[in-house]
C-alpha atoms as a PDB file:
ATOM      1  CA  UNK A   1       7.578  -1.358 -19.496  1.00  0.00           C
ATOM      2  CA  UNK A   2       8.199   2.068 -17.899  1.00  0.00           C
ATOM      3  CA  UNK A   3       7.998   2.942 -14.472  1.00  0.00           C
ATOM      4  CA  UNK A   4       4.234   4.207 -14.968  1.00  0.00           C
ATOM      5  CA  UNK A   5       3.147   1.265 -16.629  1.00  0.00           C
ATOM      6  CA  UNK A   6       4.715  -0.975 -13.836  1.00  0.00           C
ATOM      7  CA  UNK A   7       3.234   1.050 -11.257  1.00  0.00           C
ATOM      8  CA  UNK A   8      -0.055   0.739 -13.074  1.00  0.00           C
ATOM      9  CA  UNK A   9       0.293  -2.991 -13.074  1.00  0.00           C
ATOM     10  CA  UNK A  10       1.012  -2.964  -9.376  1.00  0.00           C
ATOM     11  CA  UNK A  11      -1.826  -0.899  -8.546  1.00  0.00           C
ATOM     12  CA  UNK A  12      -4.143  -2.944 -10.756  1.00  0.00           C
ATOM     13  CA  UNK A  13      -3.082  -6.013  -9.100  1.00  0.00           C
ATOM     14  CA  UNK A  14      -3.537  -4.509  -5.522  1.00  0.00           C
ATOM     15  CA  UNK A  15      -6.862  -3.649  -6.630  1.00  0.00           C
ATOM     16  CA  UNK A  16      -7.738  -7.397  -7.867  1.00  0.00           C
ATOM     17  CA  UNK A  17      -6.329  -8.729  -4.366  1.00  0.00           C
ATOM     18  CA  UNK A  18      -8.297  -6.471  -2.155  1.00  0.00           C
ATOM     19  CA  UNK A  19     -11.496  -7.339  -4.161  1.00  0.00           C
ATOM     20  CA  UNK A  20     -10.841 -10.946  -3.747  1.00  0.00           C
ATOM     21  CA  UNK A  21     -10.306 -10.479   0.085  1.00  0.00           C
ATOM     22  CA  UNK A  22     -13.608  -8.557  -0.065  1.00  0.00           C
ATOM     23  CA  UNK A  23     -15.191 -11.533  -1.633  1.00  0.00           C
ATOM     24  CA  UNK A  24     -13.778 -14.208   0.444  1.00  0.00           C
ATOM     25  CA  UNK A  25     -14.398 -12.285   3.819  1.00  0.00           C
ATOM     26  CA  UNK A  26     -17.790 -13.657   5.475  1.00  0.00           C
ATOM     27  CA  UNK A  27     -17.651 -10.424   7.652  1.00  0.00           C
ATOM     28  CA  UNK A  28     -19.551  -7.432   6.516  1.00  0.00           C
ATOM     29  CA  UNK A  29     -17.307  -4.654   8.074  1.00  0.00           C
ATOM     30  CA  UNK A  30     -14.225  -6.413   6.768  1.00  0.00           C
ATOM     31  CA  UNK A  31     -15.728  -6.710   3.211  1.00  0.00           C
ATOM     32  CA  UNK A  32     -16.256  -2.868   3.293  1.00  0.00           C
ATOM     33  CA  UNK A  33     -12.830  -2.170   4.424  1.00  0.00           C
ATOM     34  CA  UNK A  34     -11.299  -4.128   1.681  1.00  0.00           C
ATOM     35  CA  UNK A  35     -13.576  -2.662  -0.797  1.00  0.00           C
ATOM     36  CA  UNK A  36     -12.497   0.642   0.269  1.00  0.00           C
ATOM     37  CA  UNK A  37      -8.758  -0.395  -0.048  1.00  0.00           C
ATOM     38  CA  UNK A  38      -9.340  -1.598  -3.560  1.00  0.00           C
ATOM     39  CA  UNK A  39     -11.039   1.728  -4.513  1.00  0.00           C
ATOM     40  CA  UNK A  40      -7.773   3.385  -3.180  1.00  0.00           C
ATOM     41  CA  UNK A  41      -5.773   1.352  -5.336  1.00  0.00           C
ATOM     42  CA  UNK A  42      -7.683   2.359  -8.338  1.00  0.00           C
ATOM     43  CA  UNK A  43      -7.095   5.959  -7.358  1.00  0.00           C
ATOM     44  CA  UNK A  44      -3.306   5.376  -7.451  1.00  0.00           C
ATOM     45  CA  UNK A  45      -3.831   3.722 -10.783  1.00  0.00           C
ATOM     46  CA  UNK A  46      -5.427   6.714 -12.286  1.00  0.00           C
ATOM     47  CA  UNK A  47      -2.634   8.970 -10.872  1.00  0.00           C
ATOM     48  CA  UNK A  48       0.015   6.901 -12.628  1.00  0.00           C
ATOM     49  CA  UNK A  49      -2.164   6.622 -15.881  1.00  0.00           C
ATOM     50  CA  UNK A  50      -2.280  10.467 -15.646  1.00  0.00           C
ATOM     51  CA  UNK A  51       1.477  10.927 -15.222  1.00  0.00           C
ATOM     52  CA  UNK A  52       2.049   8.426 -18.146  1.00  0.00           C
ATOM     53  CA  UNK A  53      -0.134  10.678 -20.248  1.00  0.00           C
ATOM     54  CA  UNK A  54       1.901  13.702 -19.142  1.00  0.00           C
ATOM     55  CA  UNK A  55      -1.136  15.502 -17.671  1.00  0.00           C
ATOM     56  CA  UNK A  56      -0.487  18.096 -15.002  1.00  0.00           C
ATOM     57  CA  UNK A  57      -1.107  16.642 -11.598  1.00  0.00           C
ATOM     58  CA  UNK A  58      -1.555  18.916  -8.493  1.00  0.00           C
ATOM     59  CA  UNK A  59      -0.462  17.288  -5.339  1.00  0.00           C
ATOM     60  CA  UNK A  60      -3.102  18.914  -3.086  1.00  0.00           C
ATOM     61  CA  UNK A  61      -5.925  17.646  -5.262  1.00  0.00           C
ATOM     62  CA  UNK A  62      -4.808  14.141  -5.315  1.00  0.00           C
ATOM     63  CA  UNK A  63      -7.174  13.129  -2.466  1.00  0.00           C
ATOM     64  CA  UNK A  64      -5.540   9.715  -1.857  1.00  0.00           C
ATOM     65  CA  UNK A  65      -6.136   9.833   2.075  1.00  0.00           C
ATOM     66  CA  UNK A  66      -7.761   6.512   3.067  1.00  0.00           C
ATOM     67  CA  UNK A  67     -10.705   6.847   5.535  1.00  0.00           C
ATOM     68  CA  UNK A  68      -9.197   5.334   8.511  1.00  0.00           C
ATOM     69  CA  UNK A  69     -11.778   6.597  11.008  1.00  0.00           C
ATOM     70  CA  UNK A  70     -14.417   4.667   8.853  1.00  0.00           C
ATOM     71  CA  UNK A  71     -12.240   1.678   8.994  1.00  0.00           C
ATOM     72  CA  UNK A  72     -11.731   1.701  12.600  1.00  0.00           C
ATOM     73  CA  UNK A  73     -15.329   2.339  13.595  1.00  0.00           C
ATOM     74  CA  UNK A  74     -16.119  -0.431  11.305  1.00  0.00           C
ATOM     75  CA  UNK A  75     -13.906  -2.849  13.187  1.00  0.00           C
ATOM     76  CA  UNK A  76     -15.062  -1.462  16.401  1.00  0.00           C
ATOM     77  CA  UNK A  77     -18.598  -2.359  15.605  1.00  0.00           C
ATOM     78  CA  UNK A  78     -17.729  -5.790  14.368  1.00  0.00           C
ATOM     79  CA  UNK A  79     -15.700  -7.003  17.753  1.00  0.00           C
ATOM     80  CA  UNK A  80     -18.231  -9.415  18.745  1.00  0.00           C
ATOM     81  CA  UNK A  81     -18.796 -10.959  15.220  1.00  0.00           C
ATOM     82  CA  UNK A  82     -15.108 -12.236  14.237  1.00  0.00           C
ATOM     83  CA  UNK A  83     -14.158 -15.801  13.655  1.00  0.00           C
ATOM     84  CA  UNK A  84     -11.202 -16.326  11.297  1.00  0.00           C
ATOM     85  CA  UNK A  85      -9.005 -19.373  11.043  1.00  0.00           C
ATOM     86  CA  UNK A  86      -5.253 -19.178  10.536  1.00  0.00           C
ATOM     87  CA  UNK A  87      -5.331 -19.411   6.655  1.00  0.00           C
ATOM     88  CA  UNK A  88      -7.327 -16.212   6.336  1.00  0.00           C
ATOM     89  CA  UNK A  89      -5.312 -14.474   8.914  1.00  0.00           C
ATOM     90  CA  UNK A  90      -2.131 -15.385   6.653  1.00  0.00           C
ATOM     91  CA  UNK A  91      -3.831 -14.260   3.515  1.00  0.00           C
ATOM     92  CA  UNK A  92      -4.212 -10.758   5.240  1.00  0.00           C
ATOM     93  CA  UNK A  93      -0.584 -10.939   6.459  1.00  0.00           C
ATOM     94  CA  UNK A  94       0.511 -11.452   2.710  1.00  0.00           C
ATOM     95  CA  UNK A  95      -1.383  -8.254   2.039  1.00  0.00           C
ATOM     96  CA  UNK A  96       0.783  -6.465   4.625  1.00  0.00           C
ATOM     97  CA  UNK A  97       3.832  -7.555   2.438  1.00  0.00           C
ATOM     98  CA  UNK A  98       2.491  -6.716  -0.864  1.00  0.00           C
ATOM     99  CA  UNK A  99       2.037  -3.285   0.673  1.00  0.00           C
ATOM    100  CA  UNK A 100       5.419  -3.078   2.064  1.00  0.00           C
ATOM    101  CA  UNK A 101       6.782  -3.914  -1.317  1.00  0.00           C
ATOM    102  CA  UNK A 102       4.722  -1.402  -3.041  1.00  0.00           C
ATOM    103  CA  UNK A 103       5.897   1.191  -0.568  1.00  0.00           C
ATOM    104  CA  UNK A 104       9.649   0.263  -1.383  1.00  0.00           C
ATOM    105  CA  UNK A 105       9.243   0.214  -5.038  1.00  0.00           C
ATOM    106  CA  UNK A 106       7.645   3.765  -5.220  1.00  0.00           C
ATOM    107  CA  UNK A 107      10.281   5.015  -2.774  1.00  0.00           C
ATOM    108  CA  UNK A 108      13.196   3.678  -5.042  1.00  0.00           C
ATOM    109  CA  UNK A 109      11.630   4.884  -8.176  1.00  0.00           C
ATOM    110  CA  UNK A 110      11.076   8.433  -6.895  1.00  0.00           C
ATOM    111  CA  UNK A 111      14.987   8.546  -6.518  1.00  0.00           C
ATOM    112  CA  UNK A 112      15.270   8.089 -10.347  1.00  0.00           C
ATOM    113  CA  UNK A 113      12.661  10.863 -11.249  1.00  0.00           C
ATOM    114  CA  UNK A 114      13.893  14.277 -12.308  1.00  0.00           C
ATOM    115  CA  UNK A 115      10.663  16.127 -12.375  1.00  0.00           C
ATOM    116  CA  UNK A 116       9.988  17.474  -8.556  1.00  0.00           C
ATOM    117  CA  UNK A 117       6.326  17.179  -8.811  1.00  0.00           C
ATOM    118  CA  UNK A 118       6.241  13.539 -10.228  1.00  0.00           C
ATOM    119  CA  UNK A 119       8.773  12.592  -7.354  1.00  0.00           C
ATOM    120  CA  UNK A 120       6.500  14.023  -4.624  1.00  0.00           C
ATOM    121  CA  UNK A 121       3.557  12.206  -6.228  1.00  0.00           C
ATOM    122  CA  UNK A 122       5.518   8.826  -6.002  1.00  0.00           C
ATOM    123  CA  UNK A 123       6.333   9.832  -2.289  1.00  0.00           C
ATOM    124  CA  UNK A 124       2.669  10.444  -1.613  1.00  0.00           C
ATOM    125  CA  UNK A 125       1.645   7.228  -2.898  1.00  0.00           C
ATOM    126  CA  UNK A 126       4.335   5.580  -1.223  1.00  0.00           C
ATOM    127  CA  UNK A 127       3.025   7.076   2.005  1.00  0.00           C
ATOM    128  CA  UNK A 128      -0.501   5.758   1.199  1.00  0.00           C
ATOM    129  CA  UNK A 129       0.890   2.248   1.059  1.00  0.00           C
ATOM    130  CA  UNK A 130       2.249   2.671   4.470  1.00  0.00           C
ATOM    131  CA  UNK A 131      -1.190   3.678   5.945  1.00  0.00           C
ATOM    132  CA  UNK A 132      -2.362   0.651   3.776  1.00  0.00           C
ATOM    133  CA  UNK A 133      -0.036  -1.657   5.701  1.00  0.00           C
ATOM    134  CA  UNK A 134      -0.777  -0.254   9.188  1.00  0.00           C
ATOM    135  CA  UNK A 135      -4.524  -0.717   8.432  1.00  0.00           C
ATOM    136  CA  UNK A 136      -3.733  -4.382   7.499  1.00  0.00           C
ATOM    137  CA  UNK A 137      -1.724  -4.824  10.586  1.00  0.00           C
ATOM    138  CA  UNK A 138      -4.448  -3.386  12.580  1.00  0.00           C
ATOM    139  CA  UNK A 139      -6.811  -5.804  11.017  1.00  0.00           C
ATOM    140  CA  UNK A 140      -4.722  -8.837  11.683  1.00  0.00           C
ATOM    141  CA  UNK A 141      -4.375  -7.810  15.347  1.00  0.00           C
ATOM    142  CA  UNK A 142      -8.085  -7.370  15.556  1.00  0.00           C
ATOM    143  CA  UNK A 143      -8.608 -10.865  13.959  1.00  0.00           C
ATOM    144  CA  UNK A 144      -6.197 -12.651  16.296  1.00  0.00           C
ATOM    145  CA  UNK A 145      -7.333 -10.833  19.283  1.00  0.00           C
ATOM    146  CA  UNK A 146     -10.638  -9.116  18.941  1.00  0.00           C
ATOM    147  CA  UNK A 147     -11.436  -9.072  22.541  1.00  0.00           C
ATOM    148  CA  UNK A 148      -8.185  -7.113  23.209  1.00  0.00           C
ATOM    149  CA  UNK A 149      -8.181  -5.036  20.296  1.00  0.00           C
ATOM    150  CA  UNK A 150      -8.212  -1.219  20.558  1.00  0.00           C
ATOM    151  CA  UNK A 151      -7.367   0.979  17.406  1.00  0.00           C
ATOM    152  CA  UNK A 152      -3.861   2.166  17.330  1.00  0.00           C
ATOM    153  CA  UNK A 153      -3.487   5.819  18.514  1.00  0.00           C
ATOM    154  CA  UNK A 154      -1.703   6.611  15.246  1.00  0.00           C
ATOM    155  CA  UNK A 155      -5.093   6.512  13.538  1.00  0.00           C
END
């Protein structure tokens, strides 16, 4: 399996994981957020698929940015409608680890890529995975302490 096939596998698994999280979420706002994250993984998958086919990709037209404003506006609206048990919160913490592993994989693989444009794409997607991780960390904080939650200034 080459690096692109493996990256596509990682992104496909990420999409399935977020769709499962959306499905199991009793909260409409979180369901929407996890669906958005799943859709982001599809974008990443398509980027790697294009790279594997040696299609020319323009970094400026990747459009991979997660809509963090929408995510945190959604969480703010849901503050009074949150009740999750430790099992569910641990599921979200597992997703944080997955994003961190994806980030590390893309950083490491970027070092092995000779084509500068492709290397930059791997680094950009690695950056996206960091954003996903931070979003998930905010969600966990939100679930654990909704009455004290305020969206991070980072976003």
